[in-house]
C-alpha cells in the first residue's frame, strides 16, 4: 500500500497557532478506499502540559466488533463523567466506533459524539456514506486501545487531549457481491483525540494519528 497522510482534504491542523501536518503513516485509510482519516479543523487548545499524568484504571469500555458486526454501539456510562475518566472513556469509545461505521453505515452514535467543527468526524461520515452508497462495506478492523493514556488539558479541565496507542486489525473492503476489493494490514499508532466538555457531555473536536509504533 502506498503511504499517505491521514488528513482532511484542504484542512489544516494547528497547535498553538502553528500549522501542523498530519502524520505520514505506514498504513493509511486512503481516499481511494474511502478510509481516509481527516485532521481536526479547529485549533488545538493551549493545554496545561501534564506529562506525568496517567489514569491507572482506564475505562474498559471499548467493544470488540467482529468481522461481521454483532454489537450495538451503546455509549458507556463512564463517558458521562465530568472528570478525566469521562474524557478518556469518550476518546476510547469513539475510536472503537470507527470500524463499526464502515462495516454498517450506521453513523448515529458517531454523529452524536462529533462536534460540528470536527473535520475528522465529518470526513469519516462523508466517506462512510459514499462507500455504502456504492454498495460496498468493510469487514475487520477492530480497534484495541492498549496501555494507560497520556493526558494534556486546559486549566479548567474542559478541553482534553487524550493520547492513546490504538491498534486496528486487518481491514477488508468488500464489493456488493461480497468479493474482496482490497485489504489493509493491521497497524498500531499513537492517536491524539481532542475532546471538549459541552454542557453535560464530552464531544470530539478532532483526531490526529501519529507515526506507527
Protein backbone atom coordinates (compact mmCIF):
# COMPACT_ATOMS: atom_id res chain seq x y z
CA UNK A 1 0.00 0.00 0.00
CA UNK A 2 1.19 3.48 -0.75
CA UNK A 3 1.97 5.75 2.16
CA UNK A 4 -0.38 8.67 2.51
CA UNK A 5 -1.47 11.29 5.03
CA UNK A 6 -4.38 10.98 7.39
CA UNK A 7 -5.68 14.47 6.74
CA UNK A 8 -8.85 16.21 5.67
CA UNK A 9 -8.77 17.49 2.10
CA UNK A 10 -7.84 21.15 2.23
CA UNK A 11 -7.88 21.25 6.03
CA UNK A 12 -5.02 22.28 8.26
CA UNK A 13 -4.07 21.18 11.74
CA UNK A 14 -2.86 23.80 14.19
CA UNK A 15 -1.11 23.70 17.52
CA UNK A 16 -0.65 26.92 19.45
CA UNK A 17 -1.38 28.82 16.26
CA UNK A 18 1.15 26.92 14.11
CA UNK A 19 0.15 24.67 11.22
CA UNK A 20 0.84 21.00 11.79
CA UNK A 21 0.76 18.45 9.02
CA UNK A 22 -0.92 15.11 9.55
CA UNK A 23 1.48 12.28 10.20
CA UNK A 24 2.56 10.12 7.28
CA UNK A 25 1.90 6.55 8.31
CA UNK A 26 2.89 3.15 7.00
CA UNK A 27 -0.78 2.36 6.57
CA UNK A 28 -3.44 4.95 5.84
CA UNK A 29 -7.14 4.56 5.18
CA UNK A 30 -6.64 6.02 1.71
CA UNK A 31 -9.14 8.24 -0.07
CA UNK A 32 -9.39 5.77 -2.93
CA UNK A 33 -10.65 3.15 -0.48
CA UNK A 34 -12.83 5.67 1.34
CA UNK A 35 -10.92 5.03 4.54
CA UNK A 36 -9.14 8.41 4.78
CA UNK A 37 -8.96 9.97 8.22
CA UNK A 38 -9.24 13.72 8.48
CA UNK A 39 -7.38 16.14 10.67
CA UNK A 40 -9.14 18.46 13.03
CA UNK A 41 -10.19 21.78 11.52
CA UNK A 42 -10.33 23.53 14.87
CA UNK A 43 -7.34 24.98 16.67
CA UNK A 44 -5.77 22.75 19.26
CA UNK A 45 -6.19 24.28 22.71
CA UNK A 46 -3.25 25.53 24.70
CA UNK A 47 -3.46 22.98 27.50
CA UNK A 48 -1.57 22.87 30.72
CA UNK A 49 1.02 20.14 29.99
CA UNK A 50 0.83 17.20 32.35
CA UNK A 51 3.43 14.78 31.02
CA UNK A 52 3.29 12.56 34.07
CA UNK A 53 -0.50 12.26 34.29
CA UNK A 54 -1.89 8.83 33.63
CA UNK A 55 -5.04 7.07 34.70
CA UNK A 56 -4.25 3.66 36.10
CA UNK A 57 -7.78 2.35 35.79
CA UNK A 58 -8.58 3.38 32.23
CA UNK A 59 -12.22 2.63 31.41
CA UNK A 60 -12.66 -0.76 29.79
CA UNK A 61 -15.50 0.49 27.64
CA UNK A 62 -14.18 -0.40 24.19
CA UNK A 63 -16.39 -3.00 22.50
CA UNK A 64 -14.79 -5.56 20.20
CA UNK A 65 -16.57 -5.63 16.83
CA UNK A 66 -16.23 -8.82 14.82
CA UNK A 67 -15.74 -9.13 11.06
CA UNK A 68 -19.48 -9.01 10.62
CA UNK A 69 -20.70 -6.68 13.37
CA UNK A 70 -22.84 -8.24 16.06
CA UNK A 71 -22.54 -5.47 18.67
CA UNK A 72 -24.60 -2.37 19.11
CA UNK A 73 -22.72 0.86 19.87
CA UNK A 74 -24.14 1.90 23.24
CA UNK A 75 -22.17 4.71 24.84
CA UNK A 76 -20.95 3.54 28.26
CA UNK A 77 -21.96 5.40 31.41
CA UNK A 78 -18.29 6.15 32.08
CA UNK A 79 -18.36 8.73 29.26
CA UNK A 80 -20.78 10.82 31.31
CA UNK A 81 -18.22 11.61 33.99
CA UNK A 82 -17.24 15.29 34.15
CA UNK A 83 -13.65 14.44 35.08
CA UNK A 84 -10.73 12.99 33.17
CA UNK A 85 -12.19 9.50 33.31
CA UNK A 86 -15.12 10.75 31.23
CA UNK A 87 -12.82 12.33 28.64
CA UNK A 88 -10.74 9.16 28.38
CA UNK A 89 -13.80 6.92 28.10
CA UNK A 90 -15.19 9.17 25.36
CA UNK A 91 -11.96 9.00 23.37
CA UNK A 92 -11.73 5.22 23.71
CA UNK A 93 -15.33 4.58 22.74
CA UNK A 94 -15.18 6.99 19.80
CA UNK A 95 -12.17 5.16 18.35
CA UNK A 96 -13.97 1.84 18.78
CA UNK A 97 -16.80 3.16 16.59
CA UNK A 98 -14.51 3.62 13.59
CA UNK A 99 -14.70 0.07 12.21
CA UNK A 100 -18.39 -0.19 13.10
CA UNK A 101 -19.44 2.78 10.97
CA UNK A 102 -17.54 1.48 7.95
CA UNK A 103 -18.92 -2.03 8.42
CA UNK A 104 -22.56 -0.99 8.82
CA UNK A 105 -23.00 2.56 7.55
CA UNK A 106 -24.70 3.40 10.87
CA UNK A 107 -23.46 6.87 11.86
CA UNK A 108 -25.99 7.67 14.59
CA UNK A 109 -23.67 7.33 17.58
CA UNK A 110 -20.67 8.66 15.65
CA UNK A 111 -22.53 11.85 14.74
CA UNK A 112 -23.92 12.23 18.26
CA UNK A 113 -20.37 12.27 19.68
CA UNK A 114 -18.93 14.58 16.99
CA UNK A 115 -18.72 18.35 17.32
CA UNK A 116 -19.87 20.15 14.14
CA UNK A 117 -16.40 21.73 13.79
CA UNK A 118 -14.58 18.38 13.81
CA UNK A 119 -13.16 17.92 10.31
CA UNK A 120 -12.09 14.34 11.07
CA UNK A 121 -15.59 13.39 12.17
CA UNK A 122 -17.31 14.94 9.17
CA UNK A 123 -14.84 13.47 6.69
CA UNK A 124 -15.37 9.96 8.04
CA UNK A 125 -19.14 10.38 7.84
CA UNK A 126 -18.88 11.55 4.21
CA UNK A 127 -16.68 8.61 3.24
CA UNK A 128 -18.89 6.08 5.03
CA UNK A 129 -21.96 7.37 3.19
CA UNK A 130 -20.14 7.23 -0.16
CA UNK A 131 -18.84 3.72 0.49
CA UNK A 132 -22.27 2.31 1.33
CA UNK A 133 -23.98 4.24 -1.46
CA UNK A 134 -21.66 2.36 -3.83
CA UNK A 135 -22.84 -0.94 -2.33
CA UNK A 136 -19.58 -1.61 -0.51
CA UNK A 137 -18.64 -2.09 3.12
CA UNK A 138 -15.74 -3.30 5.21
CA UNK A 139 -15.01 -6.25 7.46
CA UNK A 140 -12.49 -6.48 10.27
CA UNK A 141 -10.56 -3.50 11.53
CA UNK A 142 -11.50 -3.99 15.17
CA UNK A 143 -9.75 -1.42 17.37
CA UNK A 144 -7.85 -2.18 20.57
CA UNK A 145 -6.58 0.52 22.89
CA UNK A 146 -3.59 -0.54 24.94
CA UNK A 147 -1.82 0.91 27.95
CA UNK A 148 -2.54 3.98 30.04
CA UNK A 149 -3.36 7.20 28.18
CA UNK A 150 -1.29 10.36 28.22
CA UNK A 151 -3.29 13.45 29.11
CA UNK A 152 -2.99 17.17 28.41
CA UNK A 153 -5.71 19.57 29.50
CA UNK A 154 -6.50 23.23 29.92
CA UNK A 155 -6.68 24.84 33.35
CA UNK A 156 -10.41 24.21 33.75
CA UNK A 157 -10.23 20.61 32.56
CA UNK A 158 -12.89 21.20 29.91
CA UNK A 159 -10.53 20.71 26.92
CA UNK A 160 -8.56 17.50 27.00
CA UNK A 161 -6.16 15.82 24.59
CA UNK A 162 -6.16 12.08 25.17
CA UNK A 163 -3.23 10.26 23.55
CA UNK A 164 -3.78 6.52 23.17
CA UNK A 165 -1.96 3.64 21.49
CA UNK A 166 -4.62 2.31 19.14
CA UNK A 167 -4.28 -0.86 17.08
CA UNK A 168 -6.63 -1.98 14.34
CA UNK A 169 -6.81 -5.41 12.83
CA UNK A 170 -6.70 -6.14 9.10
CA UNK A 171 -9.43 -4.35 7.15
CA UNK A 172 -11.09 -5.86 4.08
CA UNK A 173 -13.17 -3.78 1.69
CA UNK A 174 -15.92 -5.85 0.09
CA UNK A 175 -17.96 -5.18 -3.03
CA UNK A 176 -21.73 -5.64 -3.23
CA UNK A 177 -21.30 -9.28 -4.25
CA UNK A 178 -19.07 -9.99 -1.26
CA UNK A 179 -15.80 -10.21 -3.15
CA UNK A 180 -12.72 -8.64 -1.57
CA UNK A 181 -11.75 -5.41 -3.31
CA UNK A 182 -8.65 -4.74 -1.24
CA UNK A 183 -7.14 -5.25 2.18
CA UNK A 184 -5.21 -3.14 4.65
CA UNK A 185 -2.91 -4.85 7.15
CA UNK A 186 -3.02 -4.30 10.89
CA UNK A 187 -1.17 -1.33 12.37
CA UNK A 188 -0.65 0.42 15.71
CA UNK A 189 -0.45 4.21 16.04
CA UNK A 190 -0.45 6.74 18.84
CA UNK A 191 -3.64 8.76 18.38
CA UNK A 192 -4.50 12.18 19.80
CA UNK A 193 -8.21 12.61 20.48
CA UNK A 194 -9.27 16.15 21.32
CA UNK A 195 -12.42 16.20 23.47
CA UNK A 196 -14.22 19.24 24.87
CA UNK A 197 -16.86 19.41 27.55
CA UNK A 198 -20.13 20.85 26.22
CA UNK A 199 -22.84 21.17 28.82
CA UNK A 200 -23.26 17.73 30.34
CA UNK A 201 -21.41 15.77 27.66
CA UNK A 202 -17.99 15.32 26.04
CA UNK A 203 -17.74 15.85 22.28
CA UNK A 204 -14.88 15.01 19.92
CA UNK A 205 -13.32 18.06 18.25
CA UNK A 206 -10.57 16.30 16.34
CA UNK A 207 -8.29 13.30 15.92
CA UNK A 208 -4.66 13.17 14.86
CA UNK A 209 -2.85 9.93 14.05
CA UNK A 210 0.90 9.87 14.64
CA UNK A 211 3.70 7.74 13.18
CA UNK A 212 3.26 3.98 13.71
CA UNK A 213 4.81 2.31 16.71
